[in-house]
Amino acid sequence: MTTSLNTSLNTTISTPLSNRDRAVLRAVAAGRCEMPDGSGHSLMIDGLCCCDQFVGPRLAGAGLITAIGRRPGPAQLTSSGRAILEAA
């Protein structure tokens, strides 16, 4: 699945989402993820470091997930992330 994301510069970026990306989005939606405080971990799922160290920064950079409040803290879907999950 390829998604088109609008960035703050009003450009569109096509980003292919893997099955793992969609699984992480579902885990975030279920409240199972935490974004770290910059200690070198990319994303915590069920209290464990995600085996794909790049998935958290990649999804956050694409504007699909964000941290709630201070870090470390719970991750949440953005409106774009919710839209992608609903379309899948």
PDB file of N, CA and C in Angstrom:
ATOM      1  N   MET A   1       0.846  -1.173   0.000  1.00  0.00           N
ATOM      2  CA  MET A   1       0.000   0.000   0.000  1.00  0.00           C
ATOM      3  C   MET A   1       0.887   1.231   0.000  1.00  0.00           C
ATOM      4  N   THR A   2       0.595   2.174  -0.840  1.00  0.00           N
ATOM      5  CA  THR A   2       1.322   3.429  -0.890  1.00  0.00           C
ATOM      6  C   THR A   2       0.385   4.534  -0.452  1.00  0.00           C
ATOM      7  N   THR A   3       0.856   5.380   0.429  1.00  0.00           N
ATOM      8  CA  THR A   3       0.032   6.469   0.922  1.00  0.00           C
ATOM      9  C   THR A   3       0.617   7.788   0.464  1.00  0.00           C
ATOM     10  N   SER A   4      -0.227   8.752   0.342  1.00  0.00           N
ATOM     11  CA  SER A   4       0.210  10.109   0.037  1.00  0.00           C
ATOM     12  C   SER A   4       0.018  10.943   1.283  1.00  0.00           C
ATOM     13  N   LEU A   5       1.072  11.568   1.722  1.00  0.00           N
ATOM     14  CA  LEU A   5       1.035  12.383   2.932  1.00  0.00           C
ATOM     15  C   LEU A   5       1.305  13.831   2.567  1.00  0.00           C
ATOM     16  N   ASN A   6       0.523  14.728   3.133  1.00  0.00           N
ATOM     17  CA  ASN A   6       0.764  16.157   2.946  1.00  0.00           C
ATOM     18  C   ASN A   6       1.675  16.637   4.060  1.00  0.00           C
ATOM     19  N   THR A   7       2.763  17.261   3.698  1.00  0.00           N
ATOM     20  CA  THR A   7       3.670  17.808   4.696  1.00  0.00           C
ATOM     21  C   THR A   7       3.300  19.254   4.972  1.00  0.00           C
ATOM     22  N   SER A   8       3.947  19.852   5.946  1.00  0.00           N
ATOM     23  CA  SER A   8       3.650  21.233   6.296  1.00  0.00           C
ATOM     24  C   SER A   8       4.025  22.201   5.169  1.00  0.00           C
ATOM     25  N   LEU A   9       4.814  21.746   4.210  1.00  0.00           N
ATOM     26  CA  LEU A   9       5.193  22.607   3.091  1.00  0.00           C
ATOM     27  C   LEU A   9       4.239  22.436   1.915  1.00  0.00           C
ATOM     28  N   ASN A  10       3.101  21.787   2.167  1.00  0.00           N
ATOM     29  CA  ASN A  10       2.083  21.556   1.145  1.00  0.00           C
ATOM     30  C   ASN A  10       2.606  20.768  -0.049  1.00  0.00           C
ATOM     31  N   THR A  11       3.490  19.808   0.220  1.00  0.00           N
ATOM     32  CA  THR A  11       3.947  18.893  -0.806  1.00  0.00           C
ATOM     33  C   THR A  11       3.415  17.516  -0.461  1.00  0.00           C
ATOM     34  N   THR A  12       3.368  16.651  -1.446  1.00  0.00           N
ATOM     35  CA  THR A  12       2.868  15.306  -1.221  1.00  0.00           C
ATOM     36  C   THR A  12       4.021  14.325  -1.341  1.00  0.00           C
ATOM     37  N   ILE A  13       4.112  13.405  -0.377  1.00  0.00           N
ATOM     38  CA  ILE A  13       5.154  12.396  -0.356  1.00  0.00           C
ATOM     39  C   ILE A  13       4.480  11.034  -0.446  1.00  0.00           C
ATOM     40  N   SER A  14       4.930  10.190  -1.367  1.00  0.00           N
ATOM     41  CA  SER A  14       4.403   8.832  -1.446  1.00  0.00           C
ATOM     42  C   SER A  14       5.298   7.930  -0.612  1.00  0.00           C
ATOM     43  N   THR A  15       4.701   7.237   0.352  1.00  0.00           N
ATOM     44  CA  THR A  15       5.443   6.395   1.271  1.00  0.00           C
ATOM     45  C   THR A  15       4.847   5.003   1.276  1.00  0.00           C
ATOM     46  N   PRO A  16       5.609   3.989   0.891  1.00  0.00           N
ATOM     47  CA  PRO A  16       5.069   2.637   0.965  1.00  0.00           C
ATOM     48  C   PRO A  16       5.040   2.164   2.421  1.00  0.00           C
ATOM     49  N   LEU A  17       3.922   1.591   2.842  1.00  0.00           N
ATOM     50  CA  LEU A  17       3.808   1.044   4.190  1.00  0.00           C
ATOM     51  C   LEU A  17       3.924  -0.466   4.133  1.00  0.00           C
ATOM     52  N   SER A  18       4.783  -1.009   4.971  1.00  0.00           N
ATOM     53  CA  SER A  18       4.940  -2.458   5.037  1.00  0.00           C
ATOM     54  C   SER A  18       3.895  -3.037   5.983  1.00  0.00           C
ATOM     55  N   ASN A  19       3.808  -4.348   5.992  1.00  0.00           N
ATOM     56  CA  ASN A  19       2.920  -5.014   6.949  1.00  0.00           C
ATOM     57  C   ASN A  19       3.331  -4.667   8.377  1.00  0.00           C
ATOM     58  N   ARG A  20       4.627  -4.564   8.630  1.00  0.00           N
ATOM     59  CA  ARG A  20       5.114  -4.209   9.966  1.00  0.00           C
ATOM     60  C   ARG A  20       4.674  -2.800  10.334  1.00  0.00           C
ATOM     61  N   ASP A  21       4.760  -1.864   9.391  1.00  0.00           N
ATOM     62  CA  ASP A  21       4.313  -0.498   9.649  1.00  0.00           C
ATOM     63  C   ASP A  21       2.848  -0.483  10.080  1.00  0.00           C
ATOM     64  N   ARG A  22       2.011  -1.198   9.341  1.00  0.00           N
ATOM     65  CA  ARG A  22       0.583  -1.244   9.684  1.00  0.00           C
ATOM     66  C   ARG A  22       0.361  -1.928  11.036  1.00  0.00           C
ATOM     67  N   ALA A  23       1.145  -2.965  11.341  1.00  0.00           N
ATOM     68  CA  ALA A  23       1.022  -3.635  12.642  1.00  0.00           C
ATOM     69  C   ALA A  23       1.390  -2.681  13.771  1.00  0.00           C
ATOM     70  N   VAL A  24       2.424  -1.872  13.572  1.00  0.00           N
ATOM     71  CA  VAL A  24       2.818  -0.897  14.597  1.00  0.00           C
ATOM     72  C   VAL A  24       1.736   0.159  14.743  1.00  0.00           C
ATOM     73  N   LEU A  25       1.154   0.616  13.644  1.00  0.00           N
ATOM     74  CA  LEU A  25       0.060   1.581  13.739  1.00  0.00           C
ATOM     75  C   LEU A  25      -1.106   1.001  14.535  1.00  0.00           C
ATOM     76  N   ARG A  26      -1.410  -0.287  14.332  1.00  0.00           N
ATOM     77  CA  ARG A  26      -2.489  -0.926  15.111  1.00  0.00           C
ATOM     78  C   ARG A  26      -2.114  -1.007  16.590  1.00  0.00           C
ATOM     79  N   ALA A  27      -0.841  -1.277  16.893  1.00  0.00           N
ATOM     80  CA  ALA A  27      -0.390  -1.331  18.288  1.00  0.00           C
ATOM     81  C   ALA A  27      -0.479   0.045  18.942  1.00  0.00           C
ATOM     82  N   VAL A  28      -0.125   1.082  18.204  1.00  0.00           N
ATOM     83  CA  VAL A  28      -0.253   2.449  18.726  1.00  0.00           C
ATOM     84  C   VAL A  28      -1.721   2.755  18.996  1.00  0.00           C
ATOM     85  N   ALA A  29      -2.592   2.385  18.054  1.00  0.00           N
ATOM     86  CA  ALA A  29      -4.028   2.635  18.220  1.00  0.00           C
ATOM     87  C   ALA A  29      -4.576   1.904  19.444  1.00  0.00           C
ATOM     88  N   ALA A  30      -4.007   0.751  19.764  1.00  0.00           N
ATOM     89  CA  ALA A  30      -4.457  -0.033  20.913  1.00  0.00           C
ATOM     90  C   ALA A  30      -3.859   0.461  22.228  1.00  0.00           C
ATOM     91  N   GLY A  31      -3.002   1.492  22.170  1.00  0.00           N
ATOM     92  CA  GLY A  31      -2.410   2.043  23.393  1.00  0.00           C
ATOM     93  C   GLY A  31      -1.267   1.217  23.946  1.00  0.00           C
ATOM     94  N   ARG A  32      -0.599   0.447  23.092  1.00  0.00           N
ATOM     95  CA  ARG A  32       0.465  -0.447  23.547  1.00  0.00           C
ATOM     96  C   ARG A  32       1.858   0.116  23.348  1.00  0.00           C
ATOM     97  N   CYS A  33       1.989   1.343  22.837  1.00  0.00           N
ATOM     98  CA  CYS A  33       3.303   1.881  22.464  1.00  0.00           C
ATOM     99  C   CYS A  33       3.671   3.125  23.253  1.00  0.00           C
ATOM    100  N   GLU A  34       4.973   3.274  23.432  1.00  0.00           N
ATOM    101  CA  GLU A  34       5.531   4.435  24.114  1.00  0.00           C
ATOM    102  C   GLU A  34       6.682   4.960  23.282  1.00  0.00           C
ATOM    103  N   MET A  35       6.766   6.284  23.188  1.00  0.00           N
ATOM    104  CA  MET A  35       7.893   6.897  22.493  1.00  0.00           C
ATOM    105  C   MET A  35       8.945   7.248  23.534  1.00  0.00           C
ATOM    106  N   PRO A  36      10.192   6.960  23.230  1.00  0.00           N
ATOM    107  CA  PRO A  36      11.276   7.107  24.216  1.00  0.00           C
ATOM    108  C   PRO A  36      11.685   8.561  24.449  1.00  0.00           C
ATOM    109  N   ASP A  37      12.612   8.709  25.362  1.00  0.00           N
ATOM    110  CA  ASP A  37      13.108  10.030  25.738  1.00  0.00           C
ATOM    111  C   ASP A  37      14.422  10.376  25.061  1.00  0.00           C
ATOM    112  N   GLY A  38      14.774   9.701  23.997  1.00  0.00           N
ATOM    113  CA  GLY A  38      16.034   9.968  23.320  1.00  0.00           C
ATOM    114  C   GLY A  38      17.172   9.106  23.832  1.00  0.00           C
ATOM    115  N   SER A  39      16.873   8.038  24.558  1.00  0.00           N
ATOM    116  CA  SER A  39      17.912   7.179  25.115  1.00  0.00           C
ATOM    117  C   SER A  39      18.430   6.160  24.115  1.00  0.00           C
ATOM    118  N   GLY A  40      18.068   6.288  22.851  1.00  0.00           N
ATOM    119  CA  GLY A  40      18.551   5.369  21.841  1.00  0.00           C
ATOM    120  C   GLY A  40      17.525   4.349  21.401  1.00  0.00           C
ATOM    121  N   HIS A  41      16.412   4.255  22.085  1.00  0.00           N
ATOM    122  CA  HIS A  41      15.358   3.331  21.686  1.00  0.00           C
ATOM    123  C   HIS A  41      14.411   4.063  20.754  1.00  0.00           C
ATOM    124  N   SER A  42      13.973   3.377  19.714  1.00  0.00           N
ATOM    125  CA  SER A  42      13.119   4.055  18.752  1.00  0.00           C
ATOM    126  C   SER A  42      11.652   4.003  19.118  1.00  0.00           C
ATOM    127  N   LEU A  43      11.181   2.889  19.677  1.00  0.00           N
ATOM    128  CA  LEU A  43       9.779   2.749  20.029  1.00  0.00           C
ATOM    129  C   LEU A  43       9.667   1.561  20.974  1.00  0.00           C
ATOM    130  N   MET A  44       8.867   1.700  21.999  1.00  0.00           N
ATOM    131  CA  MET A  44       8.618   0.595  22.931  1.00  0.00           C
ATOM    132  C   MET A  44       7.216   0.068  22.655  1.00  0.00           C
ATOM    133  N   ILE A  45       7.094  -1.248  22.533  1.00  0.00           N
ATOM    134  CA  ILE A  45       5.801  -1.894  22.337  1.00  0.00           C
ATOM    135  C   ILE A  45       5.646  -2.923  23.441  1.00  0.00           C
ATOM    136  N   ASP A  46       4.595  -2.816  24.206  1.00  0.00           N
ATOM    137  CA  ASP A  46       4.361  -3.702  25.350  1.00  0.00           C
ATOM    138  C   ASP A  46       5.552  -3.724  26.307  1.00  0.00           C
ATOM    139  N   GLY A  47       6.208  -2.565  26.461  1.00  0.00           N
ATOM    140  CA  GLY A  47       7.324  -2.434  27.388  1.00  0.00           C
ATOM    141  C   GLY A  47       8.650  -2.936  26.861  1.00  0.00           C
ATOM    142  N   LEU A  48       8.699  -3.396  25.620  1.00  0.00           N
ATOM    143  CA  LEU A  48       9.933  -3.906  25.018  1.00  0.00           C
ATOM    144  C   LEU A  48      10.327  -3.049  23.828  1.00  0.00           C
ATOM    145  N   CYS A  49      11.633  -2.982  23.556  1.00  0.00           N
ATOM    146  CA  CYS A  49      12.096  -2.243  22.383  1.00  0.00           C
ATOM    147  C   CYS A  49      11.610  -2.942  21.129  1.00  0.00           C
ATOM    148  N   CYS A  50      11.119  -2.175  20.201  1.00  0.00           N
ATOM    149  CA  CYS A  50      10.677  -2.720  18.920  1.00  0.00           C
ATOM    150  C   CYS A  50      11.885  -3.283  18.181  1.00  0.00           C
ATOM    151  N   CYS A  51      11.719  -4.447  17.551  1.00  0.00           N
ATOM    152  CA  CYS A  51      12.841  -5.093  16.865  1.00  0.00           C
ATOM    153  C   CYS A  51      13.295  -4.305  15.636  1.00  0.00           C
ATOM    154  N   ASP A  52      12.433  -3.461  15.086  1.00  0.00           N
ATOM    155  CA  ASP A  52      12.792  -2.613  13.958  1.00  0.00           C
ATOM    156  C   ASP A  52      13.083  -1.226  14.513  1.00  0.00           C
ATOM    157  N   GLN A  53      14.355  -0.912  14.662  1.00  0.00           N
ATOM    158  CA  GLN A  53      14.736   0.348  15.300  1.00  0.00           C
ATOM    159  C   GLN A  53      14.358   1.577  14.479  1.00  0.00           C
ATOM    160  N   PHE A  54      13.990   1.379  13.229  1.00  0.00           N
ATOM    161  CA  PHE A  54      13.683   2.511  12.363  1.00  0.00           C
ATOM    162  C   PHE A  54      12.190   2.773  12.208  1.00  0.00           C
ATOM    163  N   VAL A  55      11.335   1.840  12.616  1.00  0.00           N
ATOM    164  CA  VAL A  55       9.898   1.986  12.365  1.00  0.00           C
ATOM    165  C   VAL A  55       9.302   3.179  13.120  1.00  0.00           C
ATOM    166  N   GLY A  56       9.672   3.377  14.360  1.00  0.00           N
ATOM    167  CA  GLY A  56       9.145   4.499  15.141  1.00  0.00           C
ATOM    168  C   GLY A  56       9.507   5.840  14.532  1.00  0.00           C
ATOM    169  N   PRO A  57      10.808   6.090  14.309  1.00  0.00           N
ATOM    170  CA  PRO A  57      11.185   7.362  13.689  1.00  0.00           C
ATOM    171  C   PRO A  57      10.604   7.535  12.289  1.00  0.00           C
ATOM    172  N   ARG A  58      10.491   6.439  11.536  1.00  0.00           N
ATOM    173  CA  ARG A  58       9.940   6.522  10.187  1.00  0.00           C
ATOM    174  C   ARG A  58       8.467   6.934  10.220  1.00  0.00           C
ATOM    175  N   LEU A  59       7.675   6.296  11.100  1.00  0.00           N
ATOM    176  CA  LEU A  59       6.249   6.632  11.198  1.00  0.00           C
ATOM    177  C   LEU A  59       6.034   8.016  11.792  1.00  0.00           C
ATOM    178  N   ALA A  60       6.873   8.388  12.750  1.00  0.00           N
ATOM    179  CA  ALA A  60       6.772   9.731  13.326  1.00  0.00           C
ATOM    180  C   ALA A  60       7.161  10.781  12.290  1.00  0.00           C
ATOM    181  N   GLY A  61       8.227  10.514  11.540  1.00  0.00           N
ATOM    182  CA  GLY A  61       8.670  11.442  10.510  1.00  0.00           C
ATOM    183  C   GLY A  61       7.655  11.606   9.386  1.00  0.00           C
ATOM    184  N   ALA A  62       6.876  10.543   9.134  1.00  0.00           N
ATOM    185  CA  ALA A  62       5.832  10.606   8.106  1.00  0.00           C
ATOM    186  C   ALA A  62       4.571  11.269   8.635  1.00  0.00           C
ATOM    187  N   GLY A  63       4.566  11.606   9.935  1.00  0.00           N
ATOM    188  CA  GLY A  63       3.410  12.280  10.519  1.00  0.00           C
ATOM    189  C   GLY A  63       2.262  11.346  10.861  1.00  0.00           C
ATOM    190  N   LEU A  64       2.563  10.052  11.062  1.00  0.00           N
ATOM    191  CA  LEU A  64       1.513   9.079  11.359  1.00  0.00           C
ATOM    192  C   LEU A  64       1.346   8.808  12.850  1.00  0.00           C
ATOM    193  N   ILE A  65       2.426   8.995  13.625  1.00  0.00           N
ATOM    194  CA  ILE A  65       2.351   8.836  15.080  1.00  0.00           C
ATOM    195  C   ILE A  65       3.047  10.017  15.738  1.00  0.00           C
ATOM    196  N   THR A  66       2.699  10.248  16.991  1.00  0.00           N
ATOM    197  CA  THR A  66       3.316  11.325  17.764  1.00  0.00           C
ATOM    198  C   THR A  66       3.281  10.938  19.232  1.00  0.00           C
ATOM    199  N   ALA A  67       4.050  11.644  20.040  1.00  0.00           N
ATOM    200  CA  ALA A  67       4.044  11.405  21.479  1.00  0.00           C
ATOM    201  C   ALA A  67       2.977  12.265  22.131  1.00  0.00           C
ATOM    202  N   ILE A  68       2.390  11.738  23.179  1.00  0.00           N
ATOM    203  CA  ILE A  68       1.414  12.491  23.966  1.00  0.00           C
ATOM    204  C   ILE A  68       2.192  13.150  25.102  1.00  0.00           C
ATOM    205  N   GLY A  69       2.248  14.450  25.124  1.00  0.00           N
ATOM    206  CA  GLY A  69       2.922  15.157  26.217  1.00  0.00           C
ATOM    207  C   GLY A  69       4.417  14.916  26.225  1.00  0.00           C
ATOM    208  N   ARG A  70       4.951  14.761  27.437  1.00  0.00           N
ATOM    209  CA  ARG A  70       6.393  14.608  27.626  1.00  0.00           C
ATOM    210  C   ARG A  70       6.854  13.230  27.213  1.00  0.00           C
ATOM    211  N   ARG A  71       8.123  13.149  26.853  1.00  0.00           N
ATOM    212  CA  ARG A  71       8.741  11.869  26.540  1.00  0.00           C
ATOM    213  C   ARG A  71       9.582  11.440  27.718  1.00  0.00           C
ATOM    214  N   PRO A  72       9.702  10.181  28.066  1.00  0.00           N
ATOM    215  CA  PRO A  72       8.948   9.098  27.439  1.00  0.00           C
ATOM    216  C   PRO A  72       7.473   9.216  27.770  1.00  0.00           C
ATOM    217  N   GLY A  73       6.689   8.787  26.843  1.00  0.00           N
ATOM    218  CA  GLY A  73       5.255   8.852  27.041  1.00  0.00           C
ATOM    219  C   GLY A  73       4.523   8.050  25.991  1.00  0.00           C
ATOM    220  N   PRO A  74       3.232   7.898  26.178  1.00  0.00           N
ATOM    221  CA  PRO A  74       2.439   7.111  25.236  1.00  0.00           C
ATOM    222  C   PRO A  74       2.475   7.708  23.834  1.00  0.00           C
ATOM    223  N   ALA A  75       2.489   6.817  22.864  1.00  0.00           N
ATOM    224  CA  ALA A  75       2.398   7.241  21.467  1.00  0.00           C
ATOM    225  C   ALA A  75       0.929   7.275  21.076  1.00  0.00           C
ATOM    226  N   GLN A  76       0.601   8.109  20.119  1.00  0.00           N
ATOM    227  CA  GLN A  76      -0.767   8.146  19.617  1.00  0.00           C
ATOM    228  C   GLN A  76      -0.736   8.334  18.111  1.00  0.00           C
ATOM    229  N   LEU A  77      -1.804   7.922  17.467  1.00  0.00           N
ATOM    230  CA  LEU A  77      -1.935   8.126  16.032  1.00  0.00           C
ATOM    231  C   LEU A  77      -2.294   9.576  15.763  1.00  0.00           C
ATOM    232  N   THR A  78      -1.783  10.096  14.677  1.00  0.00           N
ATOM    233  CA  THR A  78      -2.226  11.402  14.196  1.00  0.00           C
ATOM    234  C   THR A  78      -3.479  11.168  13.353  1.00  0.00           C
ATOM    235  N   SER A  79      -4.087  12.226  12.891  1.00  0.00           N
ATOM    236  CA  SER A  79      -5.265  12.054  12.035  1.00  0.00           C
ATOM    237  C   SER A  79      -4.895  11.322  10.749  1.00  0.00           C
ATOM    238  N   SER A  80      -3.697  11.544  10.231  1.00  0.00           N
ATOM    239  CA  SER A  80      -3.239  10.826   9.041  1.00  0.00           C
ATOM    240  C   SER A  80      -3.061   9.343   9.333  1.00  0.00           C
ATOM    241  N   GLY A  81      -2.507   9.027  10.506  1.00  0.00           N
ATOM    242  CA  GLY A  81      -2.340   7.627  10.900  1.00  0.00           C
ATOM    243  C   GLY A  81      -3.672   6.915  11.038  1.00  0.00           C
ATOM    244  N   ARG A  82      -4.650   7.587  11.638  1.00  0.00           N
ATOM    245  CA  ARG A  82      -5.993   6.993  11.767  1.00  0.00           C
ATOM    246  C   ARG A  82      -6.615   6.763  10.402  1.00  0.00           C
ATOM    247  N   ALA A  83      -6.450   7.714   9.502  1.00  0.00           N
ATOM    248  CA  ALA A  83      -7.021   7.584   8.160  1.00  0.00           C
ATOM    249  C   ALA A  83      -6.416   6.402   7.412  1.00  0.00           C
ATOM    250  N   ILE A  84      -5.128   6.189   7.563  1.00  0.00           N
ATOM    251  CA  ILE A  84      -4.479   5.060   6.891  1.00  0.00           C
ATOM    252  C   ILE A  84      -4.988   3.738   7.452  1.00  0.00           C
ATOM    253  N   LEU A  85      -5.130   3.650   8.766  1.00  0.00           N
ATOM    254  CA  LEU A  85      -5.650   2.414   9.364  1.00  0.00           C
ATOM    255  C   LEU A  85      -7.079   2.156   8.923  1.00  0.00           C
ATOM    256  N   GLU A  86      -7.896   3.175   8.856  1.00  0.00           N
ATOM    257  CA  GLU A  86      -9.285   3.008   8.433  1.00  0.00           C
ATOM    258  C   GLU A  86      -9.382   2.573   6.972  1.00  0.00           C
ATOM    259  N   ALA A  87      -8.425   3.020   6.150  1.00  0.00           N
ATOM    260  CA  ALA A  87      -8.437   2.677   4.725  1.00  0.00           C
ATOM    261  C   ALA A  87      -7.899   1.268   4.469  1.00  0.00           C
ATOM    262  N   ALA A  88      -7.141   0.735   5.401  1.00  0.00           N
ATOM    263  CA  ALA A  88      -6.516  -0.586   5.193  1.00  0.00           C
ATOM    264  C   ALA A  88      -7.491  -1.719   5.334  1.00  0.00           C
TER     265      ALA A  88
END
